[in-house]
Amino acid sequence: MDLGQWLVIGLCVLLLVWYIAGALINYRRAEAVLAWLKAGLDELGALSGMGWLTVLHSAGRLAIRDARPPFRTVELLFAMEARENLPVWASRHLLGRRDELYVRADLRSAPDAELEAVRRPRPSDSGERFDITRSGKKSEALLGRLKEFLGKYPQAVLKVSFQRKSPHALIRLNLDDLRSGEAGAFFAALRAWLE
């Protein structure tokens, strides 16, 4: 065999070992995220459904159908980085993608106001970390509660959408930053914002 063939074999072995190691890391991280989320579910209500979204258990879903007020339903979706696929992981990691949690919630009554907050790559000169837009009925109390919520989780929150149509609240979060605290405290802060 020549050098080129050995390089191809070496690359295949590297990708295979990376795949196995990445899959194991994701499996363990996903199990830890699931346990972390379940520990705080009392703030949202009783778990009504749970499942893995991928064969490798790198993404999962928790559903609460009869949630505590102000929620009617809450769905928690979490996804691990694609650690098992070296090229995909490297490109997405360089772009800043990490393990993420998505919260989709319907409230007991549709809101009058709409808000969207997107985290800036860098804080503005005034120190603002989020660009906030709003439409519909202007509610200073709702905006104040949103800013308080964002202030508690400035590194974890990536995007928040609060809208009249279902789902009323969509939140994208960085799990690594979020898991530095307790899930129950996060869910309580979420409820306080939306009440």
N, C-alpha and C. Protein backbone atom coordinates (compact mmCIF):
# COMPACT_ATOMS: atom_id res chain seq x y z
N MET A 1 0.84 -1.19 0.00
CA MET A 1 0.00 0.00 0.00
C MET A 1 0.89 1.25 0.00
N ASP A 2 0.40 2.26 -0.69
CA ASP A 2 1.18 3.50 -0.73
C ASP A 2 0.71 4.45 0.36
N LEU A 3 1.37 5.60 0.45
CA LEU A 3 1.09 6.58 1.51
C LEU A 3 -0.35 7.09 1.45
N GLY A 4 -0.86 7.30 0.25
CA GLY A 4 -2.24 7.80 0.10
C GLY A 4 -3.26 6.86 0.70
N GLN A 5 -3.09 5.56 0.47
CA GLN A 5 -4.02 4.57 1.03
C GLN A 5 -3.95 4.56 2.55
N TRP A 6 -2.72 4.66 3.10
CA TRP A 6 -2.58 4.70 4.55
C TRP A 6 -3.24 5.95 5.15
N LEU A 7 -3.12 7.07 4.42
CA LEU A 7 -3.77 8.29 4.90
C LEU A 7 -5.30 8.15 4.90
N VAL A 8 -5.84 7.52 3.87
CA VAL A 8 -7.30 7.31 3.81
C VAL A 8 -7.73 6.39 4.94
N ILE A 9 -6.99 5.31 5.17
CA ILE A 9 -7.31 4.38 6.25
C ILE A 9 -7.22 5.10 7.60
N GLY A 10 -6.15 5.89 7.77
CA GLY A 10 -6.00 6.65 9.03
C GLY A 10 -7.15 7.62 9.24
N LEU A 11 -7.56 8.31 8.17
CA LEU A 11 -8.69 9.24 8.28
C LEU A 11 -9.98 8.51 8.64
N CYS A 12 -10.19 7.36 8.04
CA CYS A 12 -11.40 6.57 8.34
C CYS A 12 -11.41 6.11 9.80
N VAL A 13 -10.24 5.67 10.28
CA VAL A 13 -10.14 5.24 11.68
C VAL A 13 -10.40 6.42 12.61
N LEU A 14 -9.81 7.59 12.30
CA LEU A 14 -10.04 8.79 13.10
C LEU A 14 -11.52 9.15 13.15
N LEU A 15 -12.18 9.13 12.00
CA LEU A 15 -13.61 9.48 11.95
C LEU A 15 -14.46 8.47 12.71
N LEU A 16 -14.10 7.19 12.63
CA LEU A 16 -14.84 6.16 13.36
C LEU A 16 -14.68 6.33 14.86
N VAL A 17 -13.44 6.54 15.32
CA VAL A 17 -13.20 6.74 16.75
C VAL A 17 -13.90 8.01 17.22
N TRP A 18 -13.81 9.09 16.43
CA TRP A 18 -14.49 10.34 16.77
C TRP A 18 -16.00 10.12 16.87
N TYR A 19 -16.57 9.37 15.93
CA TYR A 19 -18.01 9.10 15.93
C TYR A 19 -18.43 8.40 17.22
N ILE A 20 -17.70 7.37 17.59
CA ILE A 20 -18.04 6.61 18.79
C ILE A 20 -17.90 7.48 20.04
N ALA A 21 -16.78 8.19 20.14
CA ALA A 21 -16.57 9.05 21.31
C ALA A 21 -17.61 10.16 21.37
N GLY A 22 -17.90 10.80 20.24
CA GLY A 22 -18.90 11.88 20.21
C GLY A 22 -20.28 11.39 20.57
N ALA A 23 -20.64 10.20 20.08
CA ALA A 23 -21.96 9.64 20.40
C ALA A 23 -22.07 9.34 21.89
N LEU A 24 -21.01 8.80 22.49
CA LEU A 24 -21.03 8.51 23.93
C LEU A 24 -21.11 9.79 24.76
N ILE A 25 -20.34 10.81 24.36
CA ILE A 25 -20.39 12.09 25.08
C ILE A 25 -21.79 12.69 24.99
N ASN A 26 -22.38 12.68 23.79
CA ASN A 26 -23.73 13.23 23.63
C ASN A 26 -24.76 12.46 24.43
N TYR A 27 -24.63 11.14 24.45
CA TYR A 27 -25.57 10.32 25.21
C TYR A 27 -25.53 10.68 26.69
N ARG A 28 -24.32 10.80 27.23
CA ARG A 28 -24.19 11.15 28.66
C ARG A 28 -24.68 12.57 28.94
N ARG A 29 -24.35 13.50 28.05
CA ARG A 29 -24.81 14.88 28.24
C ARG A 29 -26.33 14.97 28.14
N ALA A 30 -26.90 14.25 27.20
CA ALA A 30 -28.36 14.27 27.03
C ALA A 30 -29.06 13.69 28.26
N GLU A 31 -28.52 12.63 28.81
CA GLU A 31 -29.09 12.04 30.03
C GLU A 31 -29.01 13.04 31.19
N ALA A 32 -27.89 13.77 31.29
CA ALA A 32 -27.73 14.76 32.36
C ALA A 32 -28.71 15.92 32.17
N VAL A 33 -28.90 16.36 30.93
CA VAL A 33 -29.86 17.43 30.64
C VAL A 33 -31.27 16.99 30.98
N LEU A 34 -31.61 15.77 30.62
CA LEU A 34 -32.94 15.24 30.92
C LEU A 34 -33.19 15.22 32.43
N ALA A 35 -32.22 14.75 33.18
CA ALA A 35 -32.35 14.73 34.65
C ALA A 35 -32.47 16.15 35.20
N TRP A 36 -31.68 17.09 34.66
CA TRP A 36 -31.73 18.49 35.11
C TRP A 36 -33.10 19.09 34.84
N LEU A 37 -33.63 18.86 33.65
CA LEU A 37 -34.96 19.39 33.31
C LEU A 37 -36.05 18.79 34.20
N LYS A 38 -36.01 17.49 34.39
CA LYS A 38 -37.03 16.82 35.21
C LYS A 38 -37.01 17.33 36.66
N ALA A 39 -35.84 17.69 37.16
CA ALA A 39 -35.72 18.17 38.54
C ALA A 39 -36.47 19.48 38.75
N GLY A 40 -36.69 20.26 37.69
CA GLY A 40 -37.38 21.54 37.83
C GLY A 40 -38.80 21.57 37.33
N LEU A 41 -39.31 20.43 36.88
CA LEU A 41 -40.64 20.42 36.25
C LEU A 41 -41.79 20.78 37.18
N ASP A 42 -41.61 20.68 38.48
CA ASP A 42 -42.69 21.05 39.40
C ASP A 42 -43.16 22.48 39.17
N GLU A 43 -42.26 23.34 38.70
CA GLU A 43 -42.63 24.73 38.43
C GLU A 43 -43.56 24.87 37.24
N LEU A 44 -43.54 23.88 36.35
CA LEU A 44 -44.36 23.97 35.14
C LEU A 44 -45.61 23.12 35.19
N GLY A 45 -45.54 21.97 35.82
CA GLY A 45 -46.69 21.07 35.89
C GLY A 45 -46.22 19.63 35.72
N ALA A 46 -47.20 18.73 35.60
CA ALA A 46 -46.88 17.30 35.50
C ALA A 46 -46.48 16.93 34.08
N LEU A 47 -45.46 16.12 33.99
CA LEU A 47 -44.96 15.64 32.71
C LEU A 47 -46.02 14.75 32.06
N SER A 48 -46.37 15.04 30.80
CA SER A 48 -47.38 14.23 30.12
C SER A 48 -46.81 13.44 28.96
N GLY A 49 -45.60 13.76 28.54
CA GLY A 49 -44.98 13.03 27.44
C GLY A 49 -43.49 13.29 27.40
N MET A 50 -42.76 12.25 26.99
CA MET A 50 -41.32 12.38 26.92
C MET A 50 -40.82 11.42 25.86
N GLY A 51 -39.79 11.82 25.14
CA GLY A 51 -39.23 10.91 24.14
C GLY A 51 -37.94 11.43 23.56
N TRP A 52 -37.21 10.51 22.97
CA TRP A 52 -35.98 10.85 22.27
C TRP A 52 -36.32 11.14 20.83
N LEU A 53 -35.70 12.16 20.25
CA LEU A 53 -35.97 12.54 18.87
C LEU A 53 -34.96 11.96 17.89
N THR A 54 -33.87 11.41 18.40
CA THR A 54 -32.86 10.80 17.54
C THR A 54 -32.49 9.43 18.09
N VAL A 55 -32.01 8.58 17.21
CA VAL A 55 -31.61 7.23 17.59
C VAL A 55 -30.48 7.26 18.61
N LEU A 56 -29.55 8.21 18.46
CA LEU A 56 -28.40 8.29 19.35
C LEU A 56 -28.70 9.03 20.66
N HIS A 57 -29.95 9.38 20.89
CA HIS A 57 -30.36 10.09 22.12
C HIS A 57 -29.64 11.42 22.28
N SER A 58 -29.41 12.12 21.18
CA SER A 58 -28.76 13.42 21.27
C SER A 58 -29.77 14.57 21.21
N ALA A 59 -31.05 14.25 21.13
CA ALA A 59 -32.11 15.26 21.17
C ALA A 59 -33.34 14.63 21.81
N GLY A 60 -34.02 15.41 22.64
CA GLY A 60 -35.19 14.88 23.34
C GLY A 60 -36.28 15.91 23.49
N ARG A 61 -37.44 15.43 23.92
CA ARG A 61 -38.62 16.29 24.05
C ARG A 61 -39.37 15.93 25.32
N LEU A 62 -39.77 16.97 26.06
CA LEU A 62 -40.63 16.81 27.23
C LEU A 62 -41.88 17.65 26.98
N ALA A 63 -43.03 17.11 27.30
CA ALA A 63 -44.28 17.85 27.08
C ALA A 63 -45.08 17.91 28.37
N ILE A 64 -45.65 19.07 28.62
CA ILE A 64 -46.55 19.28 29.76
C ILE A 64 -47.85 19.81 29.15
N ARG A 65 -48.88 18.97 29.15
CA ARG A 65 -50.14 19.36 28.50
C ARG A 65 -51.03 20.22 29.39
N ASP A 66 -51.07 19.93 30.66
CA ASP A 66 -51.91 20.71 31.59
C ASP A 66 -50.97 21.46 32.53
N ALA A 67 -50.36 22.51 31.99
CA ALA A 67 -49.32 23.23 32.73
C ALA A 67 -49.92 24.20 33.74
N ARG A 68 -49.09 24.60 34.69
CA ARG A 68 -49.50 25.59 35.69
C ARG A 68 -49.66 26.96 35.03
N PRO A 69 -50.58 27.78 35.55
CA PRO A 69 -50.74 29.14 35.00
C PRO A 69 -49.43 29.91 35.10
N PRO A 70 -49.16 30.75 34.14
CA PRO A 70 -50.01 31.23 33.04
C PRO A 70 -50.01 30.33 31.82
N PHE A 71 -49.34 29.18 31.88
CA PHE A 71 -49.23 28.30 30.72
C PHE A 71 -50.44 27.39 30.58
N ARG A 72 -50.73 27.03 29.35
CA ARG A 72 -51.69 25.96 29.06
C ARG A 72 -50.89 24.70 28.74
N THR A 73 -49.92 24.84 27.82
CA THR A 73 -49.03 23.74 27.48
C THR A 73 -47.60 24.26 27.38
N VAL A 74 -46.65 23.37 27.65
CA VAL A 74 -45.23 23.70 27.51
C VAL A 74 -44.54 22.50 26.88
N GLU A 75 -43.69 22.80 25.93
CA GLU A 75 -42.88 21.75 25.30
C GLU A 75 -41.42 22.17 25.40
N LEU A 76 -40.60 21.27 25.88
CA LEU A 76 -39.16 21.52 26.03
C LEU A 76 -38.43 20.58 25.06
N LEU A 77 -37.69 21.15 24.15
CA LEU A 77 -36.91 20.38 23.20
C LEU A 77 -35.44 20.69 23.43
N PHE A 78 -34.61 19.68 23.56
CA PHE A 78 -33.19 19.94 23.72
C PHE A 78 -32.41 19.18 22.65
N ALA A 79 -31.32 19.79 22.20
CA ALA A 79 -30.49 19.19 21.16
C ALA A 79 -29.02 19.39 21.51
N MET A 80 -28.28 18.31 21.44
CA MET A 80 -26.85 18.35 21.68
C MET A 80 -26.13 18.72 20.39
N GLU A 81 -24.93 19.27 20.50
CA GLU A 81 -24.10 19.51 19.32
C GLU A 81 -23.87 18.19 18.59
N ALA A 82 -23.63 18.26 17.30
CA ALA A 82 -23.38 17.05 16.50
C ALA A 82 -21.94 16.57 16.72
N ARG A 83 -21.65 16.17 17.95
CA ARG A 83 -20.28 15.79 18.30
C ARG A 83 -19.81 14.54 17.58
N GLU A 84 -20.73 13.69 17.16
CA GLU A 84 -20.33 12.44 16.52
C GLU A 84 -19.85 12.64 15.08
N ASN A 85 -20.12 13.78 14.49
CA ASN A 85 -19.73 14.06 13.10
C ASN A 85 -18.69 15.18 13.12
N LEU A 86 -17.43 14.83 12.99
CA LEU A 86 -16.34 15.79 13.15
C LEU A 86 -16.46 17.02 12.25
N PRO A 87 -16.66 16.88 10.93
CA PRO A 87 -16.74 18.09 10.10
C PRO A 87 -17.94 18.99 10.46
N VAL A 88 -19.09 18.39 10.71
CA VAL A 88 -20.28 19.18 11.07
C VAL A 88 -20.08 19.84 12.42
N TRP A 89 -19.58 19.08 13.39
CA TRP A 89 -19.35 19.64 14.72
C TRP A 89 -18.37 20.82 14.66
N ALA A 90 -17.26 20.65 13.94
CA ALA A 90 -16.25 21.70 13.87
C ALA A 90 -16.82 22.97 13.24
N SER A 91 -17.56 22.84 12.14
CA SER A 91 -18.09 24.04 11.48
C SER A 91 -19.14 24.73 12.34
N ARG A 92 -20.04 23.96 12.94
CA ARG A 92 -21.08 24.56 13.79
C ARG A 92 -20.50 25.12 15.08
N HIS A 93 -19.49 24.46 15.61
CA HIS A 93 -18.85 24.94 16.85
C HIS A 93 -18.15 26.28 16.59
N LEU A 94 -17.49 26.39 15.45
CA LEU A 94 -16.84 27.65 15.09
C LEU A 94 -17.86 28.78 14.91
N LEU A 95 -19.08 28.44 14.51
CA LEU A 95 -20.13 29.44 14.34
C LEU A 95 -20.83 29.77 15.66
N GLY A 96 -20.42 29.10 16.74
CA GLY A 96 -20.97 29.42 18.06
C GLY A 96 -22.15 28.57 18.46
N ARG A 97 -22.48 27.53 17.72
CA ARG A 97 -23.61 26.67 18.08
C ARG A 97 -23.16 25.70 19.17
N ARG A 98 -23.98 25.57 20.21
CA ARG A 98 -23.68 24.69 21.34
C ARG A 98 -24.93 23.86 21.63
N ASP A 99 -24.92 23.13 22.75
CA ASP A 99 -26.10 22.40 23.18
C ASP A 99 -27.19 23.43 23.46
N GLU A 100 -28.40 23.17 22.96
CA GLU A 100 -29.46 24.17 23.08
C GLU A 100 -30.76 23.58 23.62
N LEU A 101 -31.54 24.45 24.24
CA LEU A 101 -32.87 24.13 24.74
C LEU A 101 -33.85 25.08 24.05
N TYR A 102 -34.96 24.53 23.59
CA TYR A 102 -36.02 25.32 22.97
C TYR A 102 -37.28 25.15 23.81
N VAL A 103 -37.85 26.25 24.22
CA VAL A 103 -39.08 26.24 25.01
C VAL A 103 -40.20 26.76 24.10
N ARG A 104 -41.24 25.96 23.95
CA ARG A 104 -42.43 26.37 23.18
C ARG A 104 -43.60 26.30 24.15
N ALA A 105 -44.29 27.41 24.31
CA ALA A 105 -45.36 27.46 25.31
C ALA A 105 -46.59 28.18 24.76
N ASP A 106 -47.74 27.67 25.12
CA ASP A 106 -49.01 28.35 24.87
C ASP A 106 -49.54 28.81 26.22
N LEU A 107 -50.01 30.04 26.25
CA LEU A 107 -50.58 30.59 27.47
C LEU A 107 -52.07 30.27 27.54
N ARG A 108 -52.65 30.50 28.70
CA ARG A 108 -54.09 30.23 28.86
C ARG A 108 -54.93 31.22 28.06
N SER A 109 -54.41 32.42 27.84
CA SER A 109 -55.09 33.38 26.96
C SER A 109 -54.03 34.05 26.08
N ALA A 110 -54.40 34.31 24.83
CA ALA A 110 -53.45 34.89 23.88
C ALA A 110 -53.06 36.30 24.32
N PRO A 111 -51.81 36.65 24.22
CA PRO A 111 -51.36 37.99 24.62
C PRO A 111 -51.78 39.06 23.62
N ASP A 112 -51.90 40.30 24.10
CA ASP A 112 -52.21 41.43 23.23
C ASP A 112 -50.95 42.00 22.59
N ALA A 113 -49.84 41.86 23.27
CA ALA A 113 -48.58 42.45 22.81
C ALA A 113 -47.70 41.38 22.18
N GLU A 114 -46.80 41.83 21.32
CA GLU A 114 -45.80 40.94 20.74
C GLU A 114 -44.43 41.54 21.00
N LEU A 115 -43.51 40.68 21.41
CA LEU A 115 -42.14 41.10 21.71
C LEU A 115 -41.17 40.11 21.09
N GLU A 116 -40.01 40.61 20.70
CA GLU A 116 -38.94 39.72 20.27
C GLU A 116 -37.63 40.29 20.78
N ALA A 117 -36.83 39.43 21.36
CA ALA A 117 -35.51 39.83 21.86
C ALA A 117 -34.48 38.88 21.28
N VAL A 118 -33.44 39.46 20.70
CA VAL A 118 -32.36 38.68 20.09
C VAL A 118 -31.05 39.14 20.71
N ARG A 119 -30.27 38.19 21.19
CA ARG A 119 -28.99 38.56 21.81
C ARG A 119 -28.02 39.05 20.75
N ARG A 120 -27.37 40.15 21.05
CA ARG A 120 -26.36 40.72 20.16
C ARG A 120 -25.06 39.93 20.28
N PRO A 121 -24.26 39.91 19.21
CA PRO A 121 -22.95 39.25 19.31
C PRO A 121 -22.06 39.90 20.38
N ARG A 122 -22.18 41.23 20.50
CA ARG A 122 -21.44 41.97 21.52
C ARG A 122 -22.38 43.02 22.10
N PRO A 123 -22.25 43.32 23.39
CA PRO A 123 -23.11 44.37 23.98
C PRO A 123 -22.90 45.71 23.26
N SER A 124 -23.94 46.51 23.24
CA SER A 124 -23.85 47.84 22.63
C SER A 124 -23.02 48.76 23.52
N ASP A 125 -22.79 49.98 23.04
CA ASP A 125 -22.04 50.96 23.82
C ASP A 125 -22.72 51.25 25.15
N SER A 126 -24.06 51.16 25.16
CA SER A 126 -24.80 51.42 26.39
C SER A 126 -24.87 50.19 27.30
N GLY A 127 -24.28 49.07 26.84
CA GLY A 127 -24.30 47.86 27.66
C GLY A 127 -25.46 46.92 27.38
N GLU A 128 -26.34 47.30 26.45
CA GLU A 128 -27.49 46.45 26.11
C GLU A 128 -27.01 45.18 25.42
N ARG A 129 -27.50 44.05 25.88
CA ARG A 129 -27.11 42.77 25.29
C ARG A 129 -28.13 42.26 24.27
N PHE A 130 -29.34 42.84 24.27
CA PHE A 130 -30.41 42.33 23.41
C PHE A 130 -31.01 43.45 22.57
N ASP A 131 -31.37 43.11 21.35
CA ASP A 131 -32.19 43.98 20.51
C ASP A 131 -33.64 43.55 20.76
N ILE A 132 -34.47 44.47 21.22
CA ILE A 132 -35.87 44.16 21.53
C ILE A 132 -36.77 44.94 20.60
N THR A 133 -37.68 44.22 19.95
CA THR A 133 -38.70 44.86 19.12
C THR A 133 -40.06 44.47 19.67
N ARG A 134 -41.04 45.33 19.47
CA ARG A 134 -42.38 45.02 19.96
C ARG A 134 -43.43 45.59 19.03
N SER A 135 -44.60 44.97 19.06
CA SER A 135 -45.73 45.44 18.28
C SER A 135 -47.02 45.09 19.02
N GLY A 136 -48.12 45.61 18.51
CA GLY A 136 -49.39 45.39 19.19
C GLY A 136 -49.52 46.33 20.37
N LYS A 137 -50.31 45.93 21.34
CA LYS A 137 -50.53 46.74 22.54
C LYS A 137 -49.21 46.92 23.29
N LYS A 138 -48.88 48.16 23.58
CA LYS A 138 -47.64 48.45 24.30
C LYS A 138 -47.85 48.22 25.79
N SER A 139 -47.13 47.28 26.33
CA SER A 139 -47.24 46.97 27.75
C SER A 139 -45.87 47.17 28.39
N GLU A 140 -45.74 48.25 29.12
CA GLU A 140 -44.47 48.55 29.79
C GLU A 140 -44.18 47.52 30.88
N ALA A 141 -45.24 47.03 31.54
CA ALA A 141 -45.05 46.03 32.60
C ALA A 141 -44.48 44.74 32.00
N LEU A 142 -45.03 44.30 30.86
CA LEU A 142 -44.55 43.09 30.20
C LEU A 142 -43.10 43.28 29.73
N LEU A 143 -42.81 44.44 29.16
CA LEU A 143 -41.46 44.73 28.71
C LEU A 143 -40.49 44.77 29.90
N GLY A 144 -40.90 45.35 31.00
CA GLY A 144 -40.07 45.39 32.20
C GLY A 144 -39.78 44.00 32.73
N ARG A 145 -40.81 43.14 32.74
CA ARG A 145 -40.62 41.76 33.21
C ARG A 145 -39.71 40.98 32.25
N LEU A 146 -39.83 41.25 30.94
CA LEU A 146 -38.95 40.60 29.97
C LEU A 146 -37.50 41.01 30.22
N LYS A 147 -37.27 42.30 30.42
CA LYS A 147 -35.90 42.78 30.67
C LYS A 147 -35.34 42.18 31.96
N GLU A 148 -36.19 42.02 32.97
CA GLU A 148 -35.75 41.39 34.22
C GLU A 148 -35.37 39.94 33.97
N PHE A 149 -36.19 39.22 33.19
CA PHE A 149 -35.90 37.83 32.84
C PHE A 149 -34.59 37.73 32.06
N LEU A 150 -34.40 38.61 31.07
CA LEU A 150 -33.17 38.60 30.28
C LEU A 150 -31.96 38.94 31.14
N GLY A 151 -32.15 39.82 32.13
CA GLY A 151 -31.07 40.19 33.03
C GLY A 151 -30.61 39.04 33.90
N LYS A 152 -31.52 38.11 34.20
CA LYS A 152 -31.15 36.94 35.01
C LYS A 152 -30.37 35.91 34.20
N TYR A 153 -30.63 35.87 32.89
CA TYR A 153 -30.01 34.85 32.03
C TYR A 153 -29.39 35.48 30.78
N PRO A 154 -28.48 36.45 30.96
CA PRO A 154 -27.95 37.18 29.79
C PRO A 154 -27.10 36.33 28.85
N GLN A 155 -26.43 35.33 29.38
CA GLN A 155 -25.60 34.46 28.53
C GLN A 155 -26.39 33.29 27.97
N ALA A 156 -27.40 32.85 28.68
CA ALA A 156 -28.14 31.66 28.26
C ALA A 156 -29.17 31.96 27.17
N VAL A 157 -29.86 33.09 27.26
CA VAL A 157 -30.93 33.38 26.30
C VAL A 157 -30.31 33.83 24.98
N LEU A 158 -30.72 33.15 23.91
CA LEU A 158 -30.26 33.51 22.57
C LEU A 158 -31.34 34.29 21.81
N LYS A 159 -32.59 33.86 21.99
CA LYS A 159 -33.70 34.53 21.30
C LYS A 159 -35.00 34.25 22.04
N VAL A 160 -35.86 35.27 22.10
CA VAL A 160 -37.18 35.15 22.70
C VAL A 160 -38.19 35.73 21.73
N SER A 161 -39.25 34.98 21.46
CA SER A 161 -40.37 35.50 20.68
C SER A 161 -41.63 35.31 21.50
N PHE A 162 -42.38 36.39 21.66
CA PHE A 162 -43.65 36.36 22.39
C PHE A 162 -44.68 36.91 21.41
N GLN A 163 -45.67 36.08 21.06
CA GLN A 163 -46.56 36.45 19.97
C GLN A 163 -48.01 36.05 20.25
N ARG A 164 -48.91 36.63 19.46
CA ARG A 164 -50.33 36.36 19.62
C ARG A 164 -50.72 34.97 19.13
N LYS A 165 -50.06 34.51 18.07
CA LYS A 165 -50.41 33.19 17.52
C LYS A 165 -49.69 32.09 18.29
N SER A 166 -50.21 30.88 18.16
CA SER A 166 -49.62 29.72 18.85
C SER A 166 -48.38 29.24 18.10
N PRO A 167 -47.35 28.88 18.81
CA PRO A 167 -47.10 28.97 20.24
C PRO A 167 -46.82 30.41 20.65
N HIS A 168 -47.35 30.81 21.80
CA HIS A 168 -47.25 32.19 22.25
C HIS A 168 -45.83 32.59 22.64
N ALA A 169 -45.09 31.66 23.19
CA ALA A 169 -43.71 31.96 23.60
C ALA A 169 -42.77 30.93 22.99
N LEU A 170 -41.73 31.43 22.35
CA LEU A 170 -40.66 30.58 21.80
C LEU A 170 -39.34 31.13 22.34
N ILE A 171 -38.57 30.27 22.98
CA ILE A 171 -37.32 30.72 23.58
C ILE A 171 -36.22 29.74 23.19
N ARG A 172 -35.12 30.29 22.71
CA ARG A 172 -33.94 29.48 22.35
C ARG A 172 -32.84 29.82 23.34
N LEU A 173 -32.26 28.78 23.96
CA LEU A 173 -31.29 28.98 25.05
C LEU A 173 -30.05 28.13 24.86
N ASN A 174 -28.94 28.64 25.37
CA ASN A 174 -27.68 27.90 25.42
C ASN A 174 -27.72 27.06 26.70
N LEU A 175 -27.70 25.74 26.54
CA LEU A 175 -27.83 24.86 27.70
C LEU A 175 -26.65 24.92 28.65
N ASP A 176 -25.45 25.07 28.15
CA ASP A 176 -24.29 25.10 29.04
C ASP A 176 -24.39 26.25 30.05
N ASP A 177 -24.77 27.43 29.56
CA ASP A 177 -24.91 28.57 30.47
C ASP A 177 -26.13 28.42 31.36
N LEU A 178 -27.20 27.87 30.84
CA LEU A 178 -28.43 27.72 31.61
C LEU A 178 -28.26 26.71 32.74
N ARG A 179 -27.54 25.63 32.48
CA ARG A 179 -27.39 24.56 33.48
C ARG A 179 -26.46 24.92 34.62
N SER A 180 -25.88 26.11 34.60
CA SER A 180 -25.07 26.53 35.75
C SER A 180 -25.95 26.82 36.96
N GLY A 181 -27.26 26.99 36.73
CA GLY A 181 -28.21 27.18 37.82
C GLY A 181 -29.19 26.02 37.87
N GLU A 182 -30.24 26.17 38.66
CA GLU A 182 -31.24 25.11 38.80
C GLU A 182 -32.36 25.30 37.78
N ALA A 183 -32.88 24.20 37.27
CA ALA A 183 -33.96 24.25 36.29
C ALA A 183 -35.21 24.87 36.91
N GLY A 184 -35.49 24.53 38.17
CA GLY A 184 -36.67 25.08 38.84
C GLY A 184 -36.63 26.60 38.92
N ALA A 185 -35.46 27.16 39.19
CA ALA A 185 -35.32 28.61 39.27
C ALA A 185 -35.55 29.25 37.90
N PHE A 186 -35.05 28.61 36.84
CA PHE A 186 -35.28 29.12 35.50
C PHE A 186 -36.76 29.09 35.15
N PHE A 187 -37.43 27.98 35.42
CA PHE A 187 -38.85 27.87 35.09
C PHE A 187 -39.69 28.84 35.91
N ALA A 188 -39.30 29.07 37.16
CA ALA A 188 -40.00 30.06 38.00
C ALA A 188 -39.82 31.46 37.43
N ALA A 189 -38.62 31.79 36.96
CA ALA A 189 -38.39 33.11 36.34
C ALA A 189 -39.19 33.25 35.07
N LEU A 190 -39.31 32.17 34.31
CA LEU A 190 -40.10 32.19 33.08
C LEU A 190 -41.58 32.44 33.39
N ARG A 191 -42.09 31.77 34.40
CA ARG A 191 -43.49 31.98 34.81
C ARG A 191 -43.70 33.40 35.29
N ALA A 192 -42.77 33.95 36.07
CA ALA A 192 -42.90 35.30 36.60
C ALA A 192 -42.93 36.32 35.46
N TRP A 193 -42.14 36.10 34.42
CA TRP A 193 -42.15 37.01 33.28
C TRP A 193 -43.51 37.01 32.57
N LEU A 194 -44.09 35.83 32.40
CA LEU A 194 -45.30 35.72 31.58
C LEU A 194 -46.60 35.88 32.34
N GLU A 195 -46.56 35.98 33.67
CA GLU A 195 -47.80 36.14 34.45
C GLU A 195 -48.39 37.52 34.26
